[in-house]
Amino acid sequence: MYKGKDFIAVSINDESKLIAADSTVQSVLERYTELRGVDISAIAVAINSEVLPRARWQAEPCLTGDKFEIFSVVAGG
């Protein structure tokens, strides 16, 4: 199916997923938002119960067993 690619198992909003072993948080979130028609600037993410600042998404590697919690950012006042 994906010759030459290694995969790791992660959880995204309580659903088990296989992603490329060399994925970053940014790449996972880009794919997630693309599939759901969501604006990436309108989400936040916690990895293993720790909110990950947007500035770290590109450099943060995904690891086997990571638990992503992706949620919509809501402005308030």
C-alpha atoms as a PDB file:
ATOM      1  CA  MET A   1       0.000   0.000   0.000  1.00  0.00           C
ATOM      2  CA  TYR A   2       2.616   2.559   1.097  1.00  0.00           C
ATOM      3  CA  LYS A   3       5.868   0.944   0.042  1.00  0.00           C
ATOM      4  CA  GLY A   4       8.875   1.965   2.037  1.00  0.00           C
ATOM      5  CA  LYS A   5       6.886   3.832   4.709  1.00  0.00           C
ATOM      6  CA  ASP A   6       6.972   2.952   8.373  1.00  0.00           C
ATOM      7  CA  PHE A   7       3.934   3.726  10.488  1.00  0.00           C
ATOM      8  CA  ILE A   8       3.208   4.354  14.149  1.00  0.00           C
ATOM      9  CA  ALA A   9      -0.046   4.098  16.076  1.00  0.00           C
ATOM     10  CA  VAL A  10      -1.485   7.201  17.733  1.00  0.00           C
ATOM     11  CA  SER A  11      -4.874   8.207  19.088  1.00  0.00           C
ATOM     12  CA  ILE A  12      -6.671  11.230  17.645  1.00  0.00           C
ATOM     13  CA  ASN A  13      -9.744  12.279  19.615  1.00  0.00           C
ATOM     14  CA  ASP A  14     -10.052   8.728  20.988  1.00  0.00           C
ATOM     15  CA  GLU A  15      -9.743   7.060  17.564  1.00  0.00           C
ATOM     16  CA  SER A  16      -6.757   4.833  16.802  1.00  0.00           C
ATOM     17  CA  LYS A  17      -4.885   5.940  13.689  1.00  0.00           C
ATOM     18  CA  LEU A  18      -1.754   4.890  11.812  1.00  0.00           C
ATOM     19  CA  ILE A  19       0.436   7.758  10.680  1.00  0.00           C
ATOM     20  CA  ALA A  20       3.796   7.940   8.945  1.00  0.00           C
ATOM     21  CA  ALA A  21       6.606   7.380  11.441  1.00  0.00           C
ATOM     22  CA  ASP A  22       8.292  10.629  10.399  1.00  0.00           C
ATOM     23  CA  SER A  23       5.181  12.765  11.011  1.00  0.00           C
ATOM     24  CA  THR A  24       5.240  16.036  12.896  1.00  0.00           C
ATOM     25  CA  VAL A  25       2.319  17.429  14.844  1.00  0.00           C
ATOM     26  CA  GLN A  26       1.941  20.036  12.071  1.00  0.00           C
ATOM     27  CA  SER A  27       1.623  17.401   9.339  1.00  0.00           C
ATOM     28  CA  VAL A  28      -0.962  15.429  11.313  1.00  0.00           C
ATOM     29  CA  LEU A  29      -3.017  18.546  12.002  1.00  0.00           C
ATOM     30  CA  GLU A  30      -2.844  19.682   8.376  1.00  0.00           C
ATOM     31  CA  ARG A  31      -4.231  16.330   7.248  1.00  0.00           C
ATOM     32  CA  TYR A  32      -6.863  16.285  10.016  1.00  0.00           C
ATOM     33  CA  THR A  33      -8.174  19.746   9.123  1.00  0.00           C
ATOM     34  CA  GLU A  34      -8.053  19.027   5.385  1.00  0.00           C
ATOM     35  CA  LEU A  35     -10.181  15.901   5.784  1.00  0.00           C
ATOM     36  CA  ARG A  36     -12.733  17.700   7.954  1.00  0.00           C
ATOM     37  CA  GLY A  37     -12.857  21.017   6.110  1.00  0.00           C
ATOM     38  CA  VAL A  38     -11.725  22.894   9.207  1.00  0.00           C
ATOM     39  CA  ASP A  39      -9.500  25.983   9.269  1.00  0.00           C
ATOM     40  CA  ILE A  40      -6.222  24.992  10.958  1.00  0.00           C
ATOM     41  CA  SER A  41      -6.019  28.413  12.594  1.00  0.00           C
ATOM     42  CA  ALA A  42      -9.249  27.624  14.454  1.00  0.00           C
ATOM     43  CA  ILE A  43      -7.952  24.596  16.373  1.00  0.00           C
ATOM     44  CA  ALA A  44      -5.741  23.860  19.353  1.00  0.00           C
ATOM     45  CA  VAL A  45      -4.131  20.565  20.308  1.00  0.00           C
ATOM     46  CA  ALA A  46      -3.102  18.763  23.441  1.00  0.00           C
ATOM     47  CA  ILE A  47      -0.654  15.886  23.126  1.00  0.00           C
ATOM     48  CA  ASN A  48      -0.717  13.450  26.041  1.00  0.00           C
ATOM     49  CA  SER A  49      -2.785  15.974  28.044  1.00  0.00           C
ATOM     50  CA  GLU A  50      -0.330  18.862  27.469  1.00  0.00           C
ATOM     51  CA  VAL A  51      -1.434  21.787  25.316  1.00  0.00           C
ATOM     52  CA  LEU A  52       1.179  22.223  22.611  1.00  0.00           C
ATOM     53  CA  PRO A  53       1.824  25.825  21.511  1.00  0.00           C
ATOM     54  CA  ARG A  54       1.340  26.421  17.792  1.00  0.00           C
ATOM     55  CA  ALA A  55       4.979  27.569  17.527  1.00  0.00           C
ATOM     56  CA  ARG A  56       6.112  24.001  18.324  1.00  0.00           C
ATOM     57  CA  TRP A  57       3.850  22.111  15.912  1.00  0.00           C
ATOM     58  CA  GLN A  58       6.319  22.030  13.005  1.00  0.00           C
ATOM     59  CA  ALA A  59       9.280  20.741  15.020  1.00  0.00           C
ATOM     60  CA  GLU A  60       7.444  18.359  17.355  1.00  0.00           C
ATOM     61  CA  PRO A  61       7.772  14.728  16.212  1.00  0.00           C
ATOM     62  CA  CYS A  62       4.955  12.272  16.726  1.00  0.00           C
ATOM     63  CA  LEU A  63       5.731   9.226  18.835  1.00  0.00           C
ATOM     64  CA  THR A  64       4.104   5.826  19.104  1.00  0.00           C
ATOM     65  CA  GLY A  65       1.182   5.990  21.511  1.00  0.00           C
ATOM     66  CA  ASP A  66       0.759   9.779  21.423  1.00  0.00           C
ATOM     67  CA  LYS A  67      -2.768  10.863  22.324  1.00  0.00           C
ATOM     68  CA  PHE A  68      -3.971  13.888  20.353  1.00  0.00           C
ATOM     69  CA  GLU A  69      -6.895  15.896  21.647  1.00  0.00           C
ATOM     70  CA  ILE A  70      -7.890  18.363  18.931  1.00  0.00           C
ATOM     71  CA  PHE A  71     -10.449  20.989  19.764  1.00  0.00           C
ATOM     72  CA  SER A  72     -11.913  24.166  18.278  1.00  0.00           C
ATOM     73  CA  VAL A  73     -10.691  27.473  19.561  1.00  0.00           C
ATOM     74  CA  VAL A  74     -13.561  29.698  20.646  1.00  0.00           C
ATOM     75  CA  ALA A  75     -13.136  33.441  21.054  1.00  0.00           C
ATOM     76  CA  GLY A  76     -14.959  34.976  23.936  1.00  0.00           C
ATOM     77  CA  GLY A  77     -15.267  38.167  25.781  1.00  0.00           C
END
